[in-house]
PDB file of N, CA and C in Angstrom:
ATOM      1  N   MET A   1      17.751 -10.019  -9.975  1.00  0.00           N
ATOM      2  CA  MET A   1      16.535  -9.823  -9.158  1.00  0.00           C
ATOM      3  C   MET A   1      16.083  -9.919 -10.057  1.00  0.00           C
ATOM      4  N   GLN A   2      14.627 -10.004  -9.768  1.00  0.00           N
ATOM      5  CA  GLN A   2      13.248 -10.179 -10.783  1.00  0.00           C
ATOM      6  C   GLN A   2      12.306  -9.259 -10.210  1.00  0.00           C
ATOM      7  N   ARG A   3      11.683  -8.426 -11.375  1.00  0.00           N
ATOM      8  CA  ARG A   3      10.717  -7.444 -10.974  1.00  0.00           C
ATOM      9  C   ARG A   3       9.451  -8.177 -10.256  1.00  0.00           C
ATOM     10  N   TYR A   4       9.209  -7.880  -9.607  1.00  0.00           N
ATOM     11  CA  TYR A   4       7.700  -8.243  -8.771  1.00  0.00           C
ATOM     12  C   TYR A   4       6.502  -7.922  -9.892  1.00  0.00           C
ATOM     13  N   LYS A   5       5.525  -8.863 -10.092  1.00  0.00           N
ATOM     14  CA  LYS A   5       4.392  -8.469 -10.765  1.00  0.00           C
ATOM     15  C   LYS A   5       3.702  -7.504 -10.416  1.00  0.00           C
ATOM     16  N   ASN A   6       3.474  -7.593  -8.970  1.00  0.00           N
ATOM     17  CA  ASN A   6       2.206  -6.651  -8.299  1.00  0.00           C
ATOM     18  C   ASN A   6       1.253  -6.706  -8.934  1.00  0.00           C
ATOM     19  N   LEU A   7       0.323  -7.741  -9.290  1.00  0.00           N
ATOM     20  CA  LEU A   7      -0.828  -7.933  -9.556  1.00  0.00           C
ATOM     21  C   LEU A   7      -2.223  -7.410  -8.675  1.00  0.00           C
ATOM     22  N   SER A   8      -2.012  -6.596  -7.749  1.00  0.00           N
ATOM     23  CA  SER A   8      -2.959  -6.230  -6.909  1.00  0.00           C
ATOM     24  C   SER A   8      -2.525  -4.420  -6.845  1.00  0.00           C
ATOM     25  N   GLY A   9      -1.385  -4.237  -7.339  1.00  0.00           N
ATOM     26  CA  GLY A   9      -1.265  -2.776  -7.501  1.00  0.00           C
ATOM     27  C   GLY A   9      -0.561  -1.646  -6.284  1.00  0.00           C
ATOM     28  N   ASP A  10      -0.725  -2.349  -5.178  1.00  0.00           N
ATOM     29  CA  ASP A  10      -0.554  -1.511  -4.074  1.00  0.00           C
ATOM     30  C   ASP A  10       0.433  -2.047  -3.122  1.00  0.00           C
ATOM     31  N   SER A  11       1.381  -3.213  -4.101  1.00  0.00           N
ATOM     32  CA  SER A  11       2.809  -3.715  -3.153  1.00  0.00           C
ATOM     33  C   SER A  11       3.632  -3.011  -2.744  1.00  0.00           C
ATOM     34  N   GLY A  12       4.259  -3.189  -1.673  1.00  0.00           N
ATOM     35  CA  GLY A  12       5.465  -2.681  -1.207  1.00  0.00           C
ATOM     36  C   GLY A  12       6.374  -3.241  -1.882  1.00  0.00           C
ATOM     37  N   VAL A  13       6.788  -4.453  -2.528  1.00  0.00           N
ATOM     38  CA  VAL A  13       7.566  -5.361  -2.889  1.00  0.00           C
ATOM     39  C   VAL A  13       8.069  -4.458  -4.694  1.00  0.00           C
ATOM     40  N   TYR A  14       9.336  -4.581  -4.700  1.00  0.00           N
ATOM     41  CA  TYR A  14       9.550  -4.106  -5.613  1.00  0.00           C
ATOM     42  C   TYR A  14      10.356  -5.153  -6.790  1.00  0.00           C
ATOM     43  N   ALA A  15      11.174  -6.115  -6.005  1.00  0.00           N
ATOM     44  CA  ALA A  15      11.725  -7.230  -6.988  1.00  0.00           C
ATOM     45  C   ALA A  15      12.171  -8.358  -5.681  1.00  0.00           C
ATOM     46  N   PHE A  16      12.380  -9.323  -6.272  1.00  0.00           N
ATOM     47  CA  PHE A  16      12.941 -10.507  -5.681  1.00  0.00           C
ATOM     48  C   PHE A  16      13.872 -11.276  -6.254  1.00  0.00           C
ATOM     49  N   GLU A  17      14.434 -12.330  -5.391  1.00  0.00           N
ATOM     50  CA  GLU A  17      15.399 -12.949  -6.186  1.00  0.00           C
ATOM     51  C   GLU A  17      15.306 -14.517  -5.222  1.00  0.00           C
ATOM     52  N   ILE A  18      14.828 -15.845  -6.191  1.00  0.00           N
ATOM     53  CA  ILE A  18      15.075 -16.771  -5.358  1.00  0.00           C
ATOM     54  C   ILE A  18      15.994 -17.929  -5.299  1.00  0.00           C
ATOM     55  N   GLY A  19      16.220 -18.216  -4.275  1.00  0.00           N
ATOM     56  CA  GLY A  19      17.854 -19.350  -4.072  1.00  0.00           C
ATOM     57  C   GLY A  19      16.957 -20.583  -3.539  1.00  0.00           C
ATOM     58  N   MET A  20      17.714 -21.734  -3.050  1.00  0.00           N
ATOM     59  CA  MET A  20      17.480 -23.164  -2.619  1.00  0.00           C
ATOM     60  C   MET A  20      16.890 -22.868  -1.443  1.00  0.00           C
ATOM     61  N   ASP A  21      17.441 -22.207  -0.718  1.00  0.00           N
ATOM     62  CA  ASP A  21      16.920 -22.316   0.892  1.00  0.00           C
ATOM     63  C   ASP A  21      16.560 -20.694   1.470  1.00  0.00           C
ATOM     64  N   HIS A  22      16.380 -19.959   0.359  1.00  0.00           N
ATOM     65  CA  HIS A  22      16.235 -18.574   1.042  1.00  0.00           C
ATOM     66  C   HIS A  22      15.322 -17.972  -0.522  1.00  0.00           C
ATOM     67  N   ILE A  23      14.946 -16.701  -0.410  1.00  0.00           N
ATOM     68  CA  ILE A  23      14.398 -15.636  -1.100  1.00  0.00           C
ATOM     69  C   ILE A  23      15.077 -14.282  -0.657  1.00  0.00           C
ATOM     70  N   ARG A  24      15.137 -13.731  -1.644  1.00  0.00           N
ATOM     71  CA  ARG A  24      15.622 -12.119  -1.133  1.00  0.00           C
ATOM     72  C   ARG A  24      14.734 -11.321  -1.610  1.00  0.00           C
ATOM     73  N   VAL A  25      14.098 -10.080  -0.968  1.00  0.00           N
ATOM     74  CA  VAL A  25      13.353  -9.146  -1.277  1.00  0.00           C
ATOM     75  C   VAL A  25      13.658  -7.732  -1.225  1.00  0.00           C
ATOM     76  N   GLN A  26      13.442  -7.172  -2.390  1.00  0.00           N
ATOM     77  CA  GLN A  26      13.474  -5.460  -2.098  1.00  0.00           C
ATOM     78  C   GLN A  26      12.379  -4.780  -2.307  1.00  0.00           C
ATOM     79  N   PHE A  27      12.324  -3.977  -1.576  1.00  0.00           N
ATOM     80  CA  PHE A  27      10.744  -2.861  -1.195  1.00  0.00           C
ATOM     81  C   PHE A  27      11.418  -1.812  -2.036  1.00  0.00           C
ATOM     82  N   HIS A  28      10.070  -1.102  -2.619  1.00  0.00           N
ATOM     83  CA  HIS A  28       9.779   0.429  -3.157  1.00  0.00           C
ATOM     84  C   HIS A  28      10.631   1.183  -2.399  1.00  0.00           C
ATOM     85  N   GLY A  29      11.384   2.072  -2.705  1.00  0.00           N
ATOM     86  CA  GLY A  29      11.913   3.062  -2.053  1.00  0.00           C
ATOM     87  C   GLY A  29      13.096   2.580  -1.494  1.00  0.00           C
ATOM     88  N   THR A  30      14.147   1.594  -1.372  1.00  0.00           N
ATOM     89  CA  THR A  30      14.816   1.316  -0.450  1.00  0.00           C
ATOM     90  C   THR A  30      15.669   0.433  -1.371  1.00  0.00           C
ATOM     91  N   GLY A  31      17.129   0.844  -1.402  1.00  0.00           N
ATOM     92  CA  GLY A  31      18.301  -0.144  -2.083  1.00  0.00           C
ATOM     93  C   GLY A  31      18.287  -1.539  -0.894  1.00  0.00           C
ATOM     94  N   LYS A  32      17.761  -1.719   0.157  1.00  0.00           N
ATOM     95  CA  LYS A  32      18.306  -2.773   1.144  1.00  0.00           C
ATOM     96  C   LYS A  32      17.182  -3.723   0.722  1.00  0.00           C
ATOM     97  N   ILE A  33      18.004  -5.129   0.627  1.00  0.00           N
ATOM     98  CA  ILE A  33      17.625  -6.254   0.020  1.00  0.00           C
ATOM     99  C   ILE A  33      17.446  -7.206   1.398  1.00  0.00           C
ATOM    100  N   TYR A  34      16.322  -7.682   1.586  1.00  0.00           N
ATOM    101  CA  TYR A  34      16.050  -8.471   3.126  1.00  0.00           C
ATOM    102  C   TYR A  34      16.295  -9.860   2.222  1.00  0.00           C
ATOM    103  N   ARG A  35      16.716 -10.889   3.275  1.00  0.00           N
ATOM    104  CA  ARG A  35      16.661 -12.268   2.877  1.00  0.00           C
ATOM    105  C   ARG A  35      16.326 -13.057   3.848  1.00  0.00           C
ATOM    106  N   TYR A  36      15.439 -13.978   3.600  1.00  0.00           N
ATOM    107  CA  TYR A  36      14.361 -14.598   4.491  1.00  0.00           C
ATOM    108  C   TYR A  36      14.735 -16.224   3.835  1.00  0.00           C
ATOM    109  N   SER A  37      15.677 -16.549   5.198  1.00  0.00           N
ATOM    110  CA  SER A  37      15.911 -18.069   4.764  1.00  0.00           C
ATOM    111  C   SER A  37      15.225 -19.339   5.678  1.00  0.00           C
ATOM    112  N   TYR A  38      15.572 -20.740   5.291  1.00  0.00           N
ATOM    113  CA  TYR A  38      14.952 -21.470   5.889  1.00  0.00           C
ATOM    114  C   TYR A  38      15.485 -21.394   7.691  1.00  0.00           C
ATOM    115  N   TYR A  39      16.802 -21.079   7.499  1.00  0.00           N
ATOM    116  CA  TYR A  39      17.046 -21.005   9.110  1.00  0.00           C
ATOM    117  C   TYR A  39      16.325 -19.901  10.273  1.00  0.00           C
ATOM    118  N   ARG A  40      16.125 -19.179   9.269  1.00  0.00           N
ATOM    119  CA  ARG A  40      15.558 -17.962  10.346  1.00  0.00           C
ATOM    120  C   ARG A  40      14.348 -18.107  10.287  1.00  0.00           C
ATOM    121  N   ALA A  41      13.871 -17.858   8.882  1.00  0.00           N
ATOM    122  CA  ALA A  41      12.281 -17.777   8.835  1.00  0.00           C
ATOM    123  C   ALA A  41      11.527 -19.046   8.724  1.00  0.00           C
ATOM    124  N   GLY A  42      12.200 -20.250   8.185  1.00  0.00           N
ATOM    125  CA  GLY A  42      11.544 -21.547   8.509  1.00  0.00           C
ATOM    126  C   GLY A  42      11.238 -21.946   6.780  1.00  0.00           C
ATOM    127  N   MET A  43      11.212 -23.201   6.571  1.00  0.00           N
ATOM    128  CA  MET A  43      10.902 -23.648   5.198  1.00  0.00           C
ATOM    129  C   MET A  43       9.649 -23.053   4.664  1.00  0.00           C
ATOM    130  N   THR A  44       8.629 -23.559   5.401  1.00  0.00           N
ATOM    131  CA  THR A  44       7.161 -23.316   5.469  1.00  0.00           C
ATOM    132  C   THR A  44       7.328 -21.800   5.173  1.00  0.00           C
ATOM    133  N   HIS A  45       7.507 -21.303   5.585  1.00  0.00           N
ATOM    134  CA  HIS A  45       7.515 -19.740   5.167  1.00  0.00           C
ATOM    135  C   HIS A  45       7.926 -19.275   4.166  1.00  0.00           C
ATOM    136  N   VAL A  46       9.082 -19.712   3.908  1.00  0.00           N
ATOM    137  CA  VAL A  46      10.178 -19.159   2.900  1.00  0.00           C
ATOM    138  C   VAL A  46       9.247 -19.778   1.393  1.00  0.00           C
ATOM    139  N   GLU A  47       8.948 -21.028   1.623  1.00  0.00           N
ATOM    140  CA  GLU A  47       8.614 -21.847   0.169  1.00  0.00           C
ATOM    141  C   GLU A  47       7.161 -20.843  -0.239  1.00  0.00           C
ATOM    142  N   GLU A  48       6.395 -20.385   0.860  1.00  0.00           N
ATOM    143  CA  GLU A  48       5.236 -19.834   0.518  1.00  0.00           C
ATOM    144  C   GLU A  48       5.532 -18.374   0.057  1.00  0.00           C
ATOM    145  N   LEU A  49       6.594 -17.400   0.609  1.00  0.00           N
ATOM    146  CA  LEU A  49       7.080 -16.235  -0.074  1.00  0.00           C
ATOM    147  C   LEU A  49       7.675 -16.858  -1.625  1.00  0.00           C
ATOM    148  N   LYS A  50       7.970 -17.899  -1.699  1.00  0.00           N
ATOM    149  CA  LYS A  50       8.816 -18.192  -3.152  1.00  0.00           C
ATOM    150  C   LYS A  50       7.264 -18.276  -4.620  1.00  0.00           C
ATOM    151  N   ARG A  51       6.429 -19.092  -3.625  1.00  0.00           N
ATOM    152  CA  ARG A  51       5.433 -19.270  -4.260  1.00  0.00           C
ATOM    153  C   ARG A  51       4.356 -17.737  -4.646  1.00  0.00           C
ATOM    154  N   LEU A  52       4.549 -17.004  -3.719  1.00  0.00           N
ATOM    155  CA  LEU A  52       3.756 -15.835  -3.942  1.00  0.00           C
ATOM    156  C   LEU A  52       4.421 -14.749  -4.927  1.00  0.00           C
ATOM    157  N   ALA A  53       5.788 -14.958  -4.546  1.00  0.00           N
ATOM    158  CA  ALA A  53       6.428 -13.849  -5.374  1.00  0.00           C
ATOM    159  C   ALA A  53       6.547 -14.324  -7.034  1.00  0.00           C
ATOM    160  N   LEU A  54       6.436 -15.837  -7.211  1.00  0.00           N
ATOM    161  CA  LEU A  54       6.199 -16.360  -8.708  1.00  0.00           C
ATOM    162  C   LEU A  54       4.966 -15.789  -8.997  1.00  0.00           C
ATOM    163  N   ILE A  55       3.845 -15.950  -8.279  1.00  0.00           N
ATOM    164  CA  ILE A  55       2.464 -15.460  -8.921  1.00  0.00           C
ATOM    165  C   ILE A  55       2.298 -14.470  -9.120  1.00  0.00           C
ATOM    166  N   GLY A  56       3.243 -13.218  -8.304  1.00  0.00           N
ATOM    167  CA  GLY A  56       2.816 -11.989  -8.455  1.00  0.00           C
ATOM    168  C   GLY A  56       1.921 -11.082  -7.687  1.00  0.00           C
ATOM    169  N   ARG A  57       1.590 -11.873  -6.537  1.00  0.00           N
ATOM    170  CA  ARG A  57       0.485 -10.990  -5.450  1.00  0.00           C
ATOM    171  C   ARG A  57       0.493 -12.008  -3.791  1.00  0.00           C
ATOM    172  N   GLY A  58       0.281 -11.095  -3.256  1.00  0.00           N
ATOM    173  CA  GLY A  58       0.533 -11.311  -1.875  1.00  0.00           C
ATOM    174  C   GLY A  58       1.662 -11.260  -0.911  1.00  0.00           C
ATOM    175  N   LEU A  59       2.634 -11.140  -1.758  1.00  0.00           N
ATOM    176  CA  LEU A  59       3.958 -11.318  -0.941  1.00  0.00           C
ATOM    177  C   LEU A  59       3.942 -10.192   0.243  1.00  0.00           C
ATOM    178  N   ASN A  60       3.928  -8.861  -0.218  1.00  0.00           N
ATOM    179  CA  ASN A  60       3.942  -8.060   0.948  1.00  0.00           C
ATOM    180  C   ASN A  60       3.138  -8.213   2.287  1.00  0.00           C
ATOM    181  N   SER A  61       2.214  -8.738   2.186  1.00  0.00           N
ATOM    182  CA  SER A  61       1.034  -9.088   3.050  1.00  0.00           C
ATOM    183  C   SER A  61       1.592 -10.110   3.910  1.00  0.00           C
ATOM    184  N   TYR A  62       2.049 -11.246   3.018  1.00  0.00           N
ATOM    185  CA  TYR A  62       2.373 -12.341   3.681  1.00  0.00           C
ATOM    186  C   TYR A  62       3.754 -12.075   4.704  1.00  0.00           C
ATOM    187  N   ILE A  63       4.635 -10.937   4.564  1.00  0.00           N
ATOM    188  CA  ILE A  63       5.683 -10.701   4.926  1.00  0.00           C
ATOM    189  C   ILE A  63       5.700  -9.965   6.252  1.00  0.00           C
ATOM    190  N   VAL A  64       4.306  -8.880   5.795  1.00  0.00           N
ATOM    191  CA  VAL A  64       3.822  -8.274   7.325  1.00  0.00           C
ATOM    192  C   VAL A  64       3.140  -8.508   8.212  1.00  0.00           C
ATOM    193  N   ARG A  65       2.243 -10.231   7.557  1.00  0.00           N
ATOM    194  CA  ARG A  65       2.015 -10.879   8.772  1.00  0.00           C
ATOM    195  C   ARG A  65       2.578 -11.980   9.472  1.00  0.00           C
ATOM    196  N   ASN A  66       3.639 -12.540   8.913  1.00  0.00           N
ATOM    197  CA  ASN A  66       4.174 -13.534   9.296  1.00  0.00           C
ATOM    198  C   ASN A  66       5.618 -13.987   9.490  1.00  0.00           C
ATOM    199  N   VAL A  67       6.129 -12.767   8.604  1.00  0.00           N
ATOM    200  CA  VAL A  67       7.754 -12.875   8.531  1.00  0.00           C
ATOM    201  C   VAL A  67       8.598 -11.679   9.018  1.00  0.00           C
ATOM    202  N   ARG A  68       8.310 -10.512   9.175  1.00  0.00           N
ATOM    203  CA  ARG A  68       8.118  -9.278   8.987  1.00  0.00           C
ATOM    204  C   ARG A  68       9.680  -8.747   9.665  1.00  0.00           C
ATOM    205  N   PHE A  69      10.169  -9.798  10.486  1.00  0.00           N
ATOM    206  CA  PHE A  69      11.536  -9.531  11.343  1.00  0.00           C
ATOM    207  C   PHE A  69      12.128 -10.337  11.083  1.00  0.00           C
ATOM    208  N   LEU A  70      11.961 -11.487  10.653  1.00  0.00           N
ATOM    209  CA  LEU A  70      12.529 -12.965  10.522  1.00  0.00           C
ATOM    210  C   LEU A  70      13.688 -13.123   9.411  1.00  0.00           C
ATOM    211  N   TYR A  71      14.587 -11.767   8.615  1.00  0.00           N
ATOM    212  CA  TYR A  71      15.181 -12.175   7.804  1.00  0.00           C
ATOM    213  C   TYR A  71      16.581 -11.876   8.295  1.00  0.00           C
ATOM    214  N   ASP A  72      17.724 -12.285   7.616  1.00  0.00           N
ATOM    215  CA  ASP A  72      18.806 -12.581   7.646  1.00  0.00           C
ATOM    216  C   ASP A  72      19.820 -11.273   7.699  1.00  0.00           C
TER     217      ASP A  72
END
């Protein structure tokens, strides 16, 4: 897992790991890891999650607005 940069300073995301067709996200205060895949969340959402994770901004907000319950 790679530590999330959290450039806004108020993200609930702690760390992430990018795979070919998925992204795994860990939130602060929990050991649970959520996996968002092409199969469940869709390619468009997963690719946006990857992009946001790599730039370190907006990942938590995007998850809450678009894919909150679409994890594997």
